[in-house]
């Protein structure tokens, strides 16, 4: 955990009870705070119950790392990674 509140204390979706804007802001903050990934080209959006990560990363493994960071906020299984490596 990166020091950001996880939204995993709920029975259903990890985002239940949180607005799209609050969820998106928390994930964006966590991505930017992580020192091991370049988050400038990652776009965070919400689609239904899922956080969607789109855009580009620079290194192999950054796709998995970005998803891991987002899952630390919203819970495992609530993130869809659509990132490409440049």
N, C-alpha and C. Protein backbone atom coordinates (compact mmCIF):
# COMPACT_ATOMS: atom_id res chain seq x y z
N UNK A 1 0.85 -1.18 0.00
CA UNK A 1 0.00 0.00 0.00
C UNK A 1 0.89 1.23 0.00
N UNK A 2 0.46 2.24 -0.73
CA UNK A 2 1.28 3.43 -0.91
C UNK A 2 0.88 4.58 0.01
N UNK A 3 0.08 4.31 1.02
CA UNK A 3 -0.35 5.37 1.90
C UNK A 3 -1.63 6.05 1.46
N UNK A 4 -2.33 5.42 0.51
CA UNK A 4 -3.61 5.94 0.05
C UNK A 4 -4.70 5.01 0.54
N UNK A 5 -5.86 5.53 0.86
CA UNK A 5 -6.91 4.68 1.39
C UNK A 5 -7.43 3.71 0.33
N UNK A 6 -7.47 2.46 0.64
CA UNK A 6 -8.04 1.46 -0.27
C UNK A 6 -9.55 1.45 -0.08
N UNK A 7 -10.26 1.23 -1.16
CA UNK A 7 -11.71 1.17 -1.11
C UNK A 7 -12.15 -0.28 -1.11
N UNK A 8 -11.55 -1.10 -0.26
CA UNK A 8 -11.84 -2.53 -0.30
C UNK A 8 -12.61 -3.03 0.91
N UNK A 9 -13.16 -2.15 1.72
CA UNK A 9 -13.89 -2.57 2.91
C UNK A 9 -15.37 -2.84 2.63
N UNK A 10 -15.75 -2.93 1.38
CA UNK A 10 -17.14 -3.12 1.01
C UNK A 10 -17.36 -4.52 0.47
N UNK A 11 -18.58 -5.01 0.55
CA UNK A 11 -18.88 -6.36 0.11
C UNK A 11 -18.86 -6.49 -1.40
N UNK A 12 -19.30 -5.49 -2.14
CA UNK A 12 -19.38 -5.59 -3.58
C UNK A 12 -18.15 -4.95 -4.22
N UNK A 13 -18.38 -4.07 -5.17
CA UNK A 13 -17.29 -3.40 -5.86
C UNK A 13 -16.38 -2.67 -4.89
N UNK A 14 -15.08 -2.67 -5.19
CA UNK A 14 -14.13 -1.96 -4.36
C UNK A 14 -14.37 -0.46 -4.34
N UNK A 15 -15.17 0.05 -5.28
CA UNK A 15 -15.45 1.48 -5.37
C UNK A 15 -16.79 1.84 -4.76
N UNK A 16 -17.55 0.91 -4.28
CA UNK A 16 -18.91 1.18 -3.80
C UNK A 16 -18.90 2.32 -2.79
N UNK A 17 -19.75 3.29 -3.04
CA UNK A 17 -19.87 4.42 -2.12
C UNK A 17 -18.90 5.56 -2.41
N UNK A 18 -18.05 5.41 -3.41
CA UNK A 18 -17.09 6.46 -3.76
C UNK A 18 -17.41 6.97 -5.16
N UNK A 19 -17.30 8.26 -5.35
CA UNK A 19 -17.59 8.83 -6.66
C UNK A 19 -16.51 8.46 -7.66
N UNK A 20 -16.87 8.53 -8.93
CA UNK A 20 -15.89 8.28 -9.99
C UNK A 20 -14.71 9.23 -9.86
N UNK A 21 -15.01 10.49 -9.57
CA UNK A 21 -13.94 11.50 -9.47
C UNK A 21 -12.99 11.17 -8.32
N UNK A 22 -13.52 10.76 -7.17
CA UNK A 22 -12.68 10.43 -6.02
C UNK A 22 -11.82 9.20 -6.31
N UNK A 23 -12.42 8.20 -6.93
CA UNK A 23 -11.67 7.00 -7.28
C UNK A 23 -10.56 7.31 -8.28
N UNK A 24 -10.91 8.04 -9.33
CA UNK A 24 -9.93 8.41 -10.36
C UNK A 24 -8.79 9.22 -9.74
N UNK A 25 -9.12 10.19 -8.89
CA UNK A 25 -8.09 11.02 -8.26
C UNK A 25 -7.17 10.19 -7.37
N UNK A 26 -7.72 9.25 -6.63
CA UNK A 26 -6.89 8.41 -5.76
C UNK A 26 -5.94 7.54 -6.56
N UNK A 27 -6.43 6.95 -7.65
CA UNK A 27 -5.57 6.11 -8.49
C UNK A 27 -4.50 6.95 -9.17
N UNK A 28 -4.89 8.10 -9.70
CA UNK A 28 -3.90 8.99 -10.35
C UNK A 28 -2.82 9.41 -9.36
N UNK A 29 -3.22 9.77 -8.15
CA UNK A 29 -2.25 10.17 -7.13
C UNK A 29 -1.29 9.04 -6.80
N UNK A 30 -1.82 7.85 -6.65
CA UNK A 30 -0.98 6.70 -6.33
C UNK A 30 0.00 6.39 -7.47
N UNK A 31 -0.45 6.49 -8.70
CA UNK A 31 0.44 6.25 -9.84
C UNK A 31 1.56 7.28 -9.89
N UNK A 32 1.21 8.54 -9.68
CA UNK A 32 2.23 9.60 -9.71
C UNK A 32 3.18 9.54 -8.52
N UNK A 33 2.69 9.04 -7.39
CA UNK A 33 3.52 8.96 -6.20
C UNK A 33 4.51 7.80 -6.24
N UNK A 34 4.19 6.79 -7.03
CA UNK A 34 5.08 5.64 -7.13
C UNK A 34 6.37 6.06 -7.83
N UNK A 35 7.48 5.80 -7.20
CA UNK A 35 8.75 6.22 -7.77
C UNK A 35 9.30 5.29 -8.83
N UNK A 36 8.66 4.15 -9.03
CA UNK A 36 9.21 3.16 -9.95
C UNK A 36 8.47 3.07 -11.28
N UNK A 37 7.58 4.03 -11.56
CA UNK A 37 6.83 4.01 -12.81
C UNK A 37 6.61 5.44 -13.29
N UNK A 38 6.68 5.65 -14.60
CA UNK A 38 6.42 6.96 -15.20
C UNK A 38 4.94 7.01 -15.55
N UNK A 39 4.17 7.82 -14.82
CA UNK A 39 2.72 7.83 -14.96
C UNK A 39 2.19 8.96 -15.84
N UNK A 40 3.06 9.76 -16.40
CA UNK A 40 2.61 10.93 -17.17
C UNK A 40 1.75 10.56 -18.37
N UNK A 41 1.98 9.40 -18.97
CA UNK A 41 1.24 9.01 -20.16
C UNK A 41 0.15 7.98 -19.87
N UNK A 42 -0.25 7.87 -18.60
CA UNK A 42 -1.31 6.94 -18.22
C UNK A 42 -2.57 7.74 -17.93
N UNK A 43 -3.65 7.36 -18.58
CA UNK A 43 -4.95 7.99 -18.39
C UNK A 43 -5.82 7.04 -17.57
N UNK A 44 -6.38 7.56 -16.50
CA UNK A 44 -7.25 6.78 -15.63
C UNK A 44 -8.69 7.17 -15.91
N UNK A 45 -9.53 6.18 -16.21
CA UNK A 45 -10.95 6.44 -16.41
C UNK A 45 -11.76 5.39 -15.67
N UNK A 46 -13.05 5.61 -15.60
CA UNK A 46 -13.96 4.70 -14.91
C UNK A 46 -14.96 4.19 -15.93
N UNK A 47 -15.16 2.87 -15.95
CA UNK A 47 -16.16 2.25 -16.82
C UNK A 47 -16.96 1.27 -15.97
N UNK A 48 -18.14 1.69 -15.57
CA UNK A 48 -18.96 0.86 -14.69
C UNK A 48 -18.26 0.65 -13.36
N UNK A 49 -18.04 -0.61 -13.00
CA UNK A 49 -17.40 -0.94 -11.72
C UNK A 49 -15.89 -1.02 -11.83
N UNK A 50 -15.33 -0.68 -12.99
CA UNK A 50 -13.90 -0.87 -13.22
C UNK A 50 -13.14 0.44 -13.40
N UNK A 51 -11.91 0.42 -12.94
CA UNK A 51 -10.95 1.47 -13.24
C UNK A 51 -10.21 1.01 -14.49
N UNK A 52 -10.11 1.87 -15.50
CA UNK A 52 -9.46 1.52 -16.75
C UNK A 52 -8.21 2.39 -16.90
N UNK A 53 -7.09 1.72 -17.14
CA UNK A 53 -5.81 2.41 -17.37
C UNK A 53 -5.50 2.33 -18.85
N UNK A 54 -5.36 3.49 -19.49
CA UNK A 54 -5.05 3.55 -20.92
C UNK A 54 -3.81 4.41 -21.11
N UNK A 55 -3.13 4.20 -22.22
CA UNK A 55 -1.99 5.03 -22.54
C UNK A 55 -0.74 4.20 -22.74
N UNK A 56 0.40 4.80 -22.38
CA UNK A 56 1.70 4.20 -22.67
C UNK A 56 2.59 4.17 -21.45
N UNK A 57 3.41 3.14 -21.39
CA UNK A 57 4.46 3.03 -20.39
C UNK A 57 5.78 2.80 -21.12
N UNK A 58 6.89 3.00 -20.41
CA UNK A 58 8.20 2.95 -21.06
C UNK A 58 8.92 1.61 -20.92
N UNK A 59 8.71 0.92 -19.80
CA UNK A 59 9.50 -0.28 -19.54
C UNK A 59 8.62 -1.52 -19.45
N UNK A 60 9.25 -2.65 -19.76
CA UNK A 60 8.59 -3.93 -19.56
C UNK A 60 8.28 -4.08 -18.07
N UNK A 61 7.15 -4.54 -17.74
CA UNK A 61 6.76 -4.69 -16.35
C UNK A 61 5.96 -3.52 -15.81
N UNK A 62 6.01 -2.37 -16.49
CA UNK A 62 5.27 -1.20 -16.02
C UNK A 62 3.76 -1.38 -16.15
N UNK A 63 3.32 -2.17 -17.13
CA UNK A 63 1.88 -2.43 -17.26
C UNK A 63 1.37 -3.14 -16.01
N UNK A 64 2.07 -4.21 -15.63
CA UNK A 64 1.68 -4.96 -14.44
C UNK A 64 1.79 -4.11 -13.18
N UNK A 65 2.83 -3.30 -13.11
CA UNK A 65 3.03 -2.44 -11.94
C UNK A 65 1.92 -1.41 -11.81
N UNK A 66 1.51 -0.81 -12.94
CA UNK A 66 0.43 0.19 -12.91
C UNK A 66 -0.88 -0.46 -12.45
N UNK A 67 -1.17 -1.65 -12.93
CA UNK A 67 -2.38 -2.35 -12.51
C UNK A 67 -2.29 -2.69 -11.02
N UNK A 68 -1.14 -3.12 -10.58
CA UNK A 68 -0.93 -3.44 -9.15
C UNK A 68 -1.19 -2.22 -8.27
N UNK A 69 -0.68 -1.07 -8.70
CA UNK A 69 -0.88 0.17 -7.94
C UNK A 69 -2.37 0.52 -7.88
N UNK A 70 -3.05 0.45 -9.02
CA UNK A 70 -4.48 0.77 -9.06
C UNK A 70 -5.27 -0.21 -8.19
N UNK A 71 -4.90 -1.49 -8.24
CA UNK A 71 -5.59 -2.49 -7.43
C UNK A 71 -5.38 -2.27 -5.94
N UNK A 72 -4.27 -1.64 -5.58
CA UNK A 72 -4.05 -1.34 -4.16
C UNK A 72 -5.04 -0.30 -3.66
N UNK A 73 -5.65 0.44 -4.58
CA UNK A 73 -6.63 1.46 -4.23
C UNK A 73 -8.05 0.89 -4.28
N UNK A 74 -8.40 0.22 -5.38
CA UNK A 74 -9.80 -0.20 -5.58
C UNK A 74 -10.05 -1.68 -5.35
N UNK A 75 -9.01 -2.45 -5.19
CA UNK A 75 -9.19 -3.88 -4.95
C UNK A 75 -8.88 -4.72 -6.17
N UNK A 76 -8.44 -5.91 -5.89
CA UNK A 76 -8.05 -6.85 -6.94
C UNK A 76 -9.27 -7.21 -7.80
N UNK A 77 -9.08 -7.20 -9.10
CA UNK A 77 -10.15 -7.57 -10.02
C UNK A 77 -11.01 -6.42 -10.50
N UNK A 78 -10.73 -5.21 -10.01
CA UNK A 78 -11.54 -4.04 -10.40
C UNK A 78 -10.77 -3.10 -11.32
N UNK A 79 -9.68 -3.61 -11.92
CA UNK A 79 -8.85 -2.77 -12.80
C UNK A 79 -8.69 -3.46 -14.14
N UNK A 80 -8.82 -2.69 -15.20
CA UNK A 80 -8.58 -3.17 -16.56
C UNK A 80 -7.40 -2.37 -17.12
N UNK A 81 -6.34 -3.06 -17.47
CA UNK A 81 -5.17 -2.39 -18.02
C UNK A 81 -5.17 -2.45 -19.54
N UNK A 82 -5.20 -1.32 -20.17
CA UNK A 82 -5.12 -1.22 -21.63
C UNK A 82 -3.92 -0.36 -21.99
N UNK A 83 -2.81 -0.68 -21.40
CA UNK A 83 -1.57 0.08 -21.58
C UNK A 83 -0.68 -0.60 -22.61
N UNK A 84 0.03 0.22 -23.35
CA UNK A 84 1.00 -0.27 -24.34
C UNK A 84 2.38 0.22 -23.97
N UNK A 85 3.38 -0.59 -24.30
CA UNK A 85 4.77 -0.19 -24.05
C UNK A 85 5.31 0.50 -25.30
N UNK A 86 5.96 1.64 -25.09
CA UNK A 86 6.56 2.37 -26.22
C UNK A 86 7.94 1.84 -26.50
